[in-house]
Amino acid sequence: MDITAIVGLVTAIVGALLGWTGRSRQIRREERSDGSGEGALRQDVEYIKRGVDDIKVDMRIQNQRVDGISERVTRVEESAKQAHKRLDRLEE
């Protein structure tokens, strides 16, 4: 075999090995970055879940307040109705 052919063959083999090594290293880096990205995404989702839970609690409290106010308004309306009846009797 000619020396140029041997050098070409060795160069091709070394190039293939370097390319394969570089690609496997890049794959490991991508896996690490994907893992850290997924971890950050999970943290964000957990943060959103806690926020939604807080909003639900606030909504329950607001609903209780609205129910209380609704009951009070009903009592005030009944009282006003009774007062109007008494005033009507006084006018007669």
PDB file of N, CA and C in Angstrom:
ATOM      1  N   MET A   1       0.836  -1.182   0.000  1.00  0.00           N
ATOM      2  CA  MET A   1       0.000   0.000   0.000  1.00  0.00           C
ATOM      3  C   MET A   1       0.879   1.244   0.000  1.00  0.00           C
ATOM      4  N   ASP A   2       0.356   2.235  -0.598  1.00  0.00           N
ATOM      5  CA  ASP A   2       1.069   3.495  -0.726  1.00  0.00           C
ATOM      6  C   ASP A   2       0.961   4.278   0.580  1.00  0.00           C
ATOM      7  N   ILE A   3       1.946   5.074   0.920  1.00  0.00           N
ATOM      8  CA  ILE A   3       1.955   5.864   2.159  1.00  0.00           C
ATOM      9  C   ILE A   3       0.820   6.871   2.185  1.00  0.00           C
ATOM     10  N   THR A   4       0.469   7.428   1.026  1.00  0.00           N
ATOM     11  CA  THR A   4      -0.635   8.396   0.975  1.00  0.00           C
ATOM     12  C   THR A   4      -1.952   7.705   1.298  1.00  0.00           C
ATOM     13  N   ALA A   5      -2.126   6.506   0.833  1.00  0.00           N
ATOM     14  CA  ALA A   5      -3.365   5.779   1.118  1.00  0.00           C
ATOM     15  C   ALA A   5      -3.453   5.452   2.607  1.00  0.00           C
ATOM     16  N   ILE A   6      -2.327   5.068   3.189  1.00  0.00           N
ATOM     17  CA  ILE A   6      -2.309   4.748   4.625  1.00  0.00           C
ATOM     18  C   ILE A   6      -2.612   5.998   5.440  1.00  0.00           C
ATOM     19  N   VAL A   7      -1.985   7.115   5.090  1.00  0.00           N
ATOM     20  CA  VAL A   7      -2.234   8.370   5.806  1.00  0.00           C
ATOM     21  C   VAL A   7      -3.695   8.772   5.647  1.00  0.00           C
ATOM     22  N   GLY A   8      -4.237   8.628   4.468  1.00  0.00           N
ATOM     23  CA  GLY A   8      -5.645   8.961   4.228  1.00  0.00           C
ATOM     24  C   GLY A   8      -6.572   8.076   5.046  1.00  0.00           C
ATOM     25  N   LEU A   9      -6.266   6.776   5.093  1.00  0.00           N
ATOM     26  CA  LEU A   9      -7.082   5.840   5.859  1.00  0.00           C
ATOM     27  C   LEU A   9      -7.011   6.140   7.352  1.00  0.00           C
ATOM     28  N   VAL A  10      -5.819   6.388   7.866  1.00  0.00           N
ATOM     29  CA  VAL A  10      -5.654   6.721   9.291  1.00  0.00           C
ATOM     30  C   VAL A  10      -6.366   8.028   9.610  1.00  0.00           C
ATOM     31  N   THR A  11      -6.237   9.002   8.723  1.00  0.00           N
ATOM     32  CA  THR A  11      -6.904  10.287   8.934  1.00  0.00           C
ATOM     33  C   THR A  11      -8.417  10.110   8.959  1.00  0.00           C
ATOM     34  N   ALA A  12      -8.943   9.292   8.086  1.00  0.00           N
ATOM     35  CA  ALA A  12     -10.388   9.049   8.051  1.00  0.00           C
ATOM     36  C   ALA A  12     -10.852   8.361   9.333  1.00  0.00           C
ATOM     37  N   ILE A  13     -10.091   7.381   9.779  1.00  0.00           N
ATOM     38  CA  ILE A  13     -10.459   6.662  11.012  1.00  0.00           C
ATOM     39  C   ILE A  13     -10.390   7.593  12.211  1.00  0.00           C
ATOM     40  N   VAL A  14      -9.320   8.378  12.320  1.00  0.00           N
ATOM     41  CA  VAL A  14      -9.186   9.325  13.433  1.00  0.00           C
ATOM     42  C   VAL A  14     -10.298  10.362  13.381  1.00  0.00           C
ATOM     43  N   GLY A  15     -10.620  10.847  12.199  1.00  0.00           N
ATOM     44  CA  GLY A  15     -11.708  11.822  12.046  1.00  0.00           C
ATOM     45  C   GLY A  15     -13.038  11.243  12.492  1.00  0.00           C
ATOM     46  N   ALA A  16     -13.290   9.993  12.117  1.00  0.00           N
ATOM     47  CA  ALA A  16     -14.542   9.340  12.519  1.00  0.00           C
ATOM     48  C   ALA A  16     -14.588   9.170  14.038  1.00  0.00           C
ATOM     49  N   LEU A  17     -13.471   8.762  14.628  1.00  0.00           N
ATOM     50  CA  LEU A  17     -13.422   8.599  16.088  1.00  0.00           C
ATOM     51  C   LEU A  17     -13.626   9.930  16.807  1.00  0.00           C
ATOM     52  N   LEU A  18     -12.979  10.974  16.318  1.00  0.00           N
ATOM     53  CA  LEU A  18     -13.148  12.291  16.937  1.00  0.00           C
ATOM     54  C   LEU A  18     -14.587  12.789  16.792  1.00  0.00           C
ATOM     55  N   GLY A  19     -15.176  12.565  15.627  1.00  0.00           N
ATOM     56  CA  GLY A  19     -16.567  12.962  15.414  1.00  0.00           C
ATOM     57  C   GLY A  19     -17.511  12.205  16.333  1.00  0.00           C
ATOM     58  N   TRP A  20     -17.285  10.911  16.465  1.00  0.00           N
ATOM     59  CA  TRP A  20     -18.134  10.086  17.329  1.00  0.00           C
ATOM     60  C   TRP A  20     -17.973  10.499  18.795  1.00  0.00           C
ATOM     61  N   THR A  21     -16.745  10.762  19.227  1.00  0.00           N
ATOM     62  CA  THR A  21     -16.492  11.196  20.601  1.00  0.00           C
ATOM     63  C   THR A  21     -17.142  12.547  20.870  1.00  0.00           C
ATOM     64  N   GLY A  22     -16.993  13.463  19.943  1.00  0.00           N
ATOM     65  CA  GLY A  22     -17.604  14.788  20.100  1.00  0.00           C
ATOM     66  C   GLY A  22     -19.117  14.706  20.165  1.00  0.00           C
ATOM     67  N   ARG A  23     -19.698  13.867  19.329  1.00  0.00           N
ATOM     68  CA  ARG A  23     -21.165  13.730  19.328  1.00  0.00           C
ATOM     69  C   ARG A  23     -21.663  13.102  20.633  1.00  0.00           C
ATOM     70  N   SER A  24     -20.951  12.090  21.135  1.00  0.00           N
ATOM     71  CA  SER A  24     -21.384  11.472  22.397  1.00  0.00           C
ATOM     72  C   SER A  24     -21.251  12.469  23.550  1.00  0.00           C
ATOM     73  N   ARG A  25     -20.231  13.294  23.519  1.00  0.00           N
ATOM     74  CA  ARG A  25     -20.072  14.324  24.546  1.00  0.00           C
ATOM     75  C   ARG A  25     -21.211  15.345  24.459  1.00  0.00           C
ATOM     76  N   GLN A  26     -21.577  15.723  23.243  1.00  0.00           N
ATOM     77  CA  GLN A  26     -22.681  16.670  23.041  1.00  0.00           C
ATOM     78  C   GLN A  26     -24.002  16.076  23.527  1.00  0.00           C
ATOM     79  N   ILE A  27     -24.213  14.798  23.293  1.00  0.00           N
ATOM     80  CA  ILE A  27     -25.442  14.134  23.758  1.00  0.00           C
ATOM     81  C   ILE A  27     -25.515  14.175  25.281  1.00  0.00           C
ATOM     82  N   ARG A  28     -24.411  13.915  25.961  1.00  0.00           N
ATOM     83  CA  ARG A  28     -24.397  13.970  27.435  1.00  0.00           C
ATOM     84  C   ARG A  28     -24.712  15.375  27.932  1.00  0.00           C
ATOM     85  N   ARG A  29     -24.163  16.388  27.271  1.00  0.00           N
ATOM     86  CA  ARG A  29     -24.454  17.773  27.662  1.00  0.00           C
ATOM     87  C   ARG A  29     -25.935  18.093  27.477  1.00  0.00           C
ATOM     88  N   GLU A  30     -26.491  17.651  26.356  1.00  0.00           N
ATOM     89  CA  GLU A  30     -27.910  17.896  26.098  1.00  0.00           C
ATOM     90  C   GLU A  30     -28.782  17.212  27.143  1.00  0.00           C
ATOM     91  N   GLU A  31     -28.416  16.001  27.529  1.00  0.00           N
ATOM     92  CA  GLU A  31     -29.188  15.285  28.545  1.00  0.00           C
ATOM     93  C   GLU A  31     -29.143  16.029  29.873  1.00  0.00           C
ATOM     94  N   ARG A  32     -27.965  16.544  30.227  1.00  0.00           N
ATOM     95  CA  ARG A  32     -27.851  17.303  31.475  1.00  0.00           C
ATOM     96  C   ARG A  32     -28.686  18.569  31.424  1.00  0.00           C
ATOM     97  N   SER A  33     -28.608  19.276  30.302  1.00  0.00           N
ATOM     98  CA  SER A  33     -29.378  20.521  30.204  1.00  0.00           C
ATOM     99  C   SER A  33     -30.872  20.233  30.153  1.00  0.00           C
ATOM    100  N   ASP A  34     -31.271  19.133  29.517  1.00  0.00           N
ATOM    101  CA  ASP A  34     -32.684  18.750  29.507  1.00  0.00           C
ATOM    102  C   ASP A  34     -33.153  18.431  30.920  1.00  0.00           C
ATOM    103  N   GLY A  35     -32.330  17.738  31.677  1.00  0.00           N
ATOM    104  CA  GLY A  35     -32.688  17.398  33.053  1.00  0.00           C
ATOM    105  C   GLY A  35     -32.851  18.629  33.921  1.00  0.00           C
ATOM    106  N   SER A  36     -31.950  19.584  33.780  1.00  0.00           N
ATOM    107  CA  SER A  36     -32.075  20.800  34.586  1.00  0.00           C
ATOM    108  C   SER A  36     -33.270  21.623  34.130  1.00  0.00           C
ATOM    109  N   GLY A  37     -33.550  21.609  32.832  1.00  0.00           N
ATOM    110  CA  GLY A  37     -34.726  22.316  32.312  1.00  0.00           C
ATOM    111  C   GLY A  37     -36.011  21.704  32.832  1.00  0.00           C
ATOM    112  N   GLU A  38     -36.062  20.382  32.886  1.00  0.00           N
ATOM    113  CA  GLU A  38     -37.243  19.699  33.409  1.00  0.00           C
ATOM    114  C   GLU A  38     -37.421  19.994  34.892  1.00  0.00           C
ATOM    115  N   GLY A  39     -36.312  20.056  35.623  1.00  0.00           N
ATOM    116  CA  GLY A  39     -36.397  20.380  37.048  1.00  0.00           C
ATOM    117  C   GLY A  39     -36.959  21.771  37.266  1.00  0.00           C
ATOM    118  N   ALA A  40     -36.499  22.719  36.471  1.00  0.00           N
ATOM    119  CA  ALA A  40     -37.011  24.090  36.586  1.00  0.00           C
ATOM    120  C   ALA A  40     -38.480  24.141  36.206  1.00  0.00           C
ATOM    121  N   LEU A  41     -38.856  23.389  35.190  1.00  0.00           N
ATOM    122  CA  LEU A  41     -40.258  23.347  34.765  1.00  0.00           C
ATOM    123  C   LEU A  41     -41.137  22.764  35.866  1.00  0.00           C
ATOM    124  N   ARG A  42     -40.674  21.715  36.509  1.00  0.00           N
ATOM    125  CA  ARG A  42     -41.440  21.115  37.614  1.00  0.00           C
ATOM    126  C   ARG A  42     -41.591  22.100  38.765  1.00  0.00           C
ATOM    127  N   GLN A  43     -40.540  22.837  39.068  1.00  0.00           N
ATOM    128  CA  GLN A  43     -40.632  23.840  40.132  1.00  0.00           C
ATOM    129  C   GLN A  43     -41.653  24.907  39.769  1.00  0.00           C
ATOM    130  N   ASP A  44     -41.644  25.331  38.522  1.00  0.00           N
ATOM    131  CA  ASP A  44     -42.613  26.341  38.083  1.00  0.00           C
ATOM    132  C   ASP A  44     -44.041  25.818  38.195  1.00  0.00           C
ATOM    133  N   VAL A  45     -44.244  24.565  37.815  1.00  0.00           N
ATOM    134  CA  VAL A  45     -45.582  23.973  37.902  1.00  0.00           C
ATOM    135  C   VAL A  45     -46.021  23.884  39.363  1.00  0.00           C
ATOM    136  N   GLU A  46     -45.119  23.493  40.246  1.00  0.00           N
ATOM    137  CA  GLU A  46     -45.456  23.420  41.674  1.00  0.00           C
ATOM    138  C   GLU A  46     -45.803  24.804  42.215  1.00  0.00           C
ATOM    139  N   TYR A  47     -45.064  25.816  41.792  1.00  0.00           N
ATOM    140  CA  TYR A  47     -45.343  27.187  42.219  1.00  0.00           C
ATOM    141  C   TYR A  47     -46.734  27.614  41.756  1.00  0.00           C
ATOM    142  N   ILE A  48     -47.072  27.267  40.528  1.00  0.00           N
ATOM    143  CA  ILE A  48     -48.398  27.607  40.000  1.00  0.00           C
ATOM    144  C   ILE A  48     -49.478  26.863  40.774  1.00  0.00           C
ATOM    145  N   LYS A  49     -49.240  25.597  41.097  1.00  0.00           N
ATOM    146  CA  LYS A  49     -50.221  24.819  41.874  1.00  0.00           C
ATOM    147  C   LYS A  49     -50.473  25.468  43.231  1.00  0.00           C
ATOM    148  N   ARG A  50     -49.404  25.885  43.890  1.00  0.00           N
ATOM    149  CA  ARG A  50     -49.574  26.543  45.199  1.00  0.00           C
ATOM    150  C   ARG A  50     -50.355  27.837  45.045  1.00  0.00           C
ATOM    151  N   GLY A  51     -50.084  28.575  43.981  1.00  0.00           N
ATOM    152  CA  GLY A  51     -50.823  29.812  43.733  1.00  0.00           C
ATOM    153  C   GLY A  51     -52.299  29.546  43.507  1.00  0.00           C
ATOM    154  N   VAL A  52     -52.608  28.502  42.753  1.00  0.00           N
ATOM    155  CA  VAL A  52     -54.007  28.147  42.500  1.00  0.00           C
ATOM    156  C   VAL A  52     -54.685  27.736  43.801  1.00  0.00           C
ATOM    157  N   ASP A  53     -53.977  26.971  44.635  1.00  0.00           N
ATOM    158  CA  ASP A  53     -54.546  26.574  45.929  1.00  0.00           C
ATOM    159  C   ASP A  53     -54.839  27.797  46.793  1.00  0.00           C
ATOM    160  N   ASP A  54     -53.927  28.763  46.792  1.00  0.00           N
ATOM    161  CA  ASP A  54     -54.154  29.997  47.556  1.00  0.00           C
ATOM    162  C   ASP A  54     -55.373  30.750  47.032  1.00  0.00           C
ATOM    163  N   ILE A  55     -55.515  30.784  45.724  1.00  0.00           N
ATOM    164  CA  ILE A  55     -56.667  31.472  45.126  1.00  0.00           C
ATOM    165  C   ILE A  55     -57.961  30.764  45.503  1.00  0.00           C
ATOM    166  N   LYS A  56     -57.941  29.432  45.531  1.00  0.00           N
ATOM    167  CA  LYS A  56     -59.136  28.676  45.924  1.00  0.00           C
ATOM    168  C   LYS A  56     -59.541  29.001  47.354  1.00  0.00           C
ATOM    169  N   VAL A  57     -58.560  29.082  48.246  1.00  0.00           N
ATOM    170  CA  VAL A  57     -58.856  29.419  49.643  1.00  0.00           C
ATOM    171  C   VAL A  57     -59.457  30.817  49.721  1.00  0.00           C
ATOM    172  N   ASP A  58     -58.861  31.756  48.997  1.00  0.00           N
ATOM    173  CA  ASP A  58     -59.390  33.124  48.986  1.00  0.00           C
ATOM    174  C   ASP A  58     -60.815  33.166  48.441  1.00  0.00           C
ATOM    175  N   MET A  59     -61.083  32.373  47.419  1.00  0.00           N
ATOM    176  CA  MET A  59     -62.429  32.334  46.839  1.00  0.00           C
ATOM    177  C   MET A  59     -63.442  31.779  47.843  1.00  0.00           C
ATOM    178  N   ARG A  60     -63.058  30.753  48.601  1.00  0.00           N
ATOM    179  CA  ARG A  60     -63.966  30.205  49.617  1.00  0.00           C
ATOM    180  C   ARG A  60     -64.295  31.262  50.663  1.00  0.00           C
ATOM    181  N   ILE A  61     -63.276  31.990  51.089  1.00  0.00           N
ATOM    182  CA  ILE A  61     -63.494  33.042  52.087  1.00  0.00           C
ATOM    183  C   ILE A  61     -64.416  34.112  51.514  1.00  0.00           C
ATOM    184  N   GLN A  62     -64.182  34.507  50.266  1.00  0.00           N
ATOM    185  CA  GLN A  62     -65.034  35.516  49.629  1.00  0.00           C
ATOM    186  C   GLN A  62     -66.475  35.020  49.517  1.00  0.00           C
ATOM    187  N   ASN A  63     -66.647  33.752  49.162  1.00  0.00           N
ATOM    188  CA  ASN A  63     -67.993  33.194  49.057  1.00  0.00           C
ATOM    189  C   ASN A  63     -68.702  33.210  50.408  1.00  0.00           C
ATOM    190  N   GLN A  64     -67.971  32.913  51.475  1.00  0.00           N
ATOM    191  CA  GLN A  64     -68.566  32.964  52.811  1.00  0.00           C
ATOM    192  C   GLN A  64     -68.986  34.389  53.147  1.00  0.00           C
ATOM    193  N   ARG A  65     -68.156  35.349  52.799  1.00  0.00           N
ATOM    194  CA  ARG A  65     -68.497  36.747  53.066  1.00  0.00           C
ATOM    195  C   ARG A  65     -69.739  37.169  52.280  1.00  0.00           C
ATOM    196  N   VAL A  66     -69.794  36.774  51.017  1.00  0.00           N
ATOM    197  CA  VAL A  66     -70.946  37.122  50.183  1.00  0.00           C
ATOM    198  C   VAL A  66     -72.208  36.479  50.742  1.00  0.00           C
ATOM    199  N   ASP A  67     -72.113  35.228  51.177  1.00  0.00           N
ATOM    200  CA  ASP A  67     -73.275  34.561  51.770  1.00  0.00           C
ATOM    201  C   ASP A  67     -73.734  35.294  53.025  1.00  0.00           C
ATOM    202  N   GLY A  68     -72.784  35.705  53.860  1.00  0.00           N
ATOM    203  CA  GLY A  68     -73.124  36.453  55.071  1.00  0.00           C
ATOM    204  C   GLY A  68     -73.801  37.773  54.748  1.00  0.00           C
ATOM    205  N   ILE A  69     -73.266  38.479  53.776  1.00  0.00           N
ATOM    206  CA  ILE A  69     -73.857  39.765  53.381  1.00  0.00           C
ATOM    207  C   ILE A  69     -75.244  39.544  52.790  1.00  0.00           C
ATOM    208  N   SER A  70     -75.409  38.483  52.018  1.00  0.00           N
ATOM    209  CA  SER A  70     -76.710  38.175  51.425  1.00  0.00           C
ATOM    210  C   SER A  70     -77.758  37.934  52.512  1.00  0.00           C
ATOM    211  N   GLU A  71     -77.383  37.199  53.550  1.00  0.00           N
ATOM    212  CA  GLU A  71     -78.309  36.958  54.662  1.00  0.00           C
ATOM    213  C   GLU A  71     -78.664  38.269  55.364  1.00  0.00           C
ATOM    214  N   ARG A  72     -77.661  39.111  55.564  1.00  0.00           N
ATOM    215  CA  ARG A  72     -77.920  40.393  56.229  1.00  0.00           C
ATOM    216  C   ARG A  72     -78.845  41.272  55.393  1.00  0.00           C
ATOM    217  N   VAL A  73     -78.638  41.295  54.078  1.00  0.00           N
ATOM    218  CA  VAL A  73     -79.494  42.094  53.199  1.00  0.00           C
ATOM    219  C   VAL A  73     -80.927  41.580  53.265  1.00  0.00           C
ATOM    220  N   THR A  74     -81.092  40.267  53.289  1.00  0.00           N
ATOM    221  CA  THR A  74     -82.435  39.691  53.387  1.00  0.00           C
ATOM    222  C   THR A  74     -83.114  40.143  54.676  1.00  0.00           C
ATOM    223  N   ARG A  75     -82.381  40.110  55.791  1.00  0.00           N
ATOM    224  CA  ARG A  75     -82.958  40.555  57.068  1.00  0.00           C
ATOM    225  C   ARG A  75     -83.312  42.036  57.035  1.00  0.00           C
ATOM    226  N   VAL A  76     -82.444  42.844  56.432  1.00  0.00           N
ATOM    227  CA  VAL A  76     -82.710  44.282  56.347  1.00  0.00           C
ATOM    228  C   VAL A  76     -83.936  44.537  55.478  1.00  0.00           C
ATOM    229  N   GLU A  77     -84.068  43.805  54.379  1.00  0.00           N
ATOM    230  CA  GLU A  77     -85.249  43.970  53.526  1.00  0.00           C
ATOM    231  C   GLU A  77     -86.522  43.594  54.277  1.00  0.00           C
ATOM    232  N   GLU A  78     -86.466  42.511  55.052  1.00  0.00           N
ATOM    233  CA  GLU A  78     -87.636  42.112  55.840  1.00  0.00           C
ATOM    234  C   GLU A  78     -87.969  43.172  56.884  1.00  0.00           C
ATOM    235  N   SER A  79     -86.941  43.707  57.511  1.00  0.00           N
ATOM    236  CA  SER A  79     -87.150  44.741  58.519  1.00  0.00           C
ATOM    237  C   SER A  79     -87.754  45.993  57.885  1.00  0.00           C
ATOM    238  N   ALA A  80     -87.253  46.364  56.706  1.00  0.00           N
ATOM    239  CA  ALA A  80     -87.788  47.540  56.010  1.00  0.00           C
ATOM    240  C   ALA A  80     -89.240  47.303  55.615  1.00  0.00           C
ATOM    241  N   LYS A  81     -89.553  46.094  55.209  1.00  0.00           N
ATOM    242  CA  LYS A  81     -90.926  45.763  54.838  1.00  0.00           C
ATOM    243  C   LYS A  81     -91.851  45.909  56.049  1.00  0.00           C
ATOM    244  N   GLN A  82     -91.403  45.410  57.202  1.00  0.00           N
ATOM    245  CA  GLN A  82     -92.200  45.535  58.425  1.00  0.00           C
ATOM    246  C   GLN A  82     -92.356  47.003  58.823  1.00  0.00           C
ATOM    247  N   ALA A  83     -91.290  47.768  58.660  1.00  0.00           N
ATOM    248  CA  ALA A  83     -91.357  49.192  59.003  1.00  0.00           C
ATOM    249  C   ALA A  83     -92.352  49.910  58.093  1.00  0.00           C
ATOM    250  N   HIS A  84     -92.377  49.582  56.820  1.00  0.00           N
ATOM    251  CA  HIS A  84     -93.340  50.194  55.895  1.00  0.00           C
ATOM    252  C   HIS A  84     -94.773  49.832  56.285  1.00  0.00           C
ATOM    253  N   LYS A  85     -94.971  48.591  56.700  1.00  0.00           N
ATOM    254  CA  LYS A  85     -96.316  48.188  57.126  1.00  0.00           C
ATOM    255  C   LYS A  85     -96.755  48.998  58.345  1.00  0.00           C
ATOM    256  N   ARG A  86     -95.837  49.188  59.295  1.00  0.00           N
ATOM    257  CA  ARG A  86     -96.173  49.975  60.493  1.00  0.00           C
ATOM    258  C   ARG A  86     -96.468  51.423  60.126  1.00  0.00           C
ATOM    259  N   LEU A  87     -95.677  51.978  59.207  1.00  0.00           N
ATOM    260  CA  LEU A  87     -95.915  53.358  58.773  1.00  0.00           C
ATOM    261  C   LEU A  87     -97.264  53.482  58.065  1.00  0.00           C
ATOM    262  N   ASP A  88     -97.588  52.488  57.250  1.00  0.00           N
ATOM    263  CA  ASP A  88     -98.887  52.508  56.570  1.00  0.00           C
ATOM    264  C   ASP A  88    -100.029  52.470  57.590  1.00  0.00           C
ATOM    265  N   ARG A  89     -99.888  51.701  58.664  1.00  0.00           N
ATOM    266  CA  ARG A  89    -100.920  51.630  59.694  1.00  0.00           C
ATOM    267  C   ARG A  89    -101.038  52.959  60.427  1.00  0.00           C
ATOM    268  N   LEU A  90     -99.911  53.614  60.645  1.00  0.00           N
ATOM    269  CA  LEU A  90     -99.946  54.902  61.337  1.00  0.00           C
ATOM    270  C   LEU A  90    -100.638  55.968  60.480  1.00  0.00           C
ATOM    271  N   GLU A  91    -100.449  55.907  59.182  1.00  0.00           N
ATOM    272  CA  GLU A  91    -101.062  56.888  58.290  1.00  0.00           C
ATOM    273  C   GLU A  91    -102.575  56.703  58.212  1.00  0.00           C
ATOM    274  N   GLU A  92    -103.056  55.500  58.413  1.00  0.00           N
ATOM    275  CA  GLU A  92    -104.498  55.249  58.318  1.00  0.00           C
ATOM    276  C   GLU A  92    -105.197  55.726  59.512  1.00  0.00           C
TER     277      GLU A  92
END
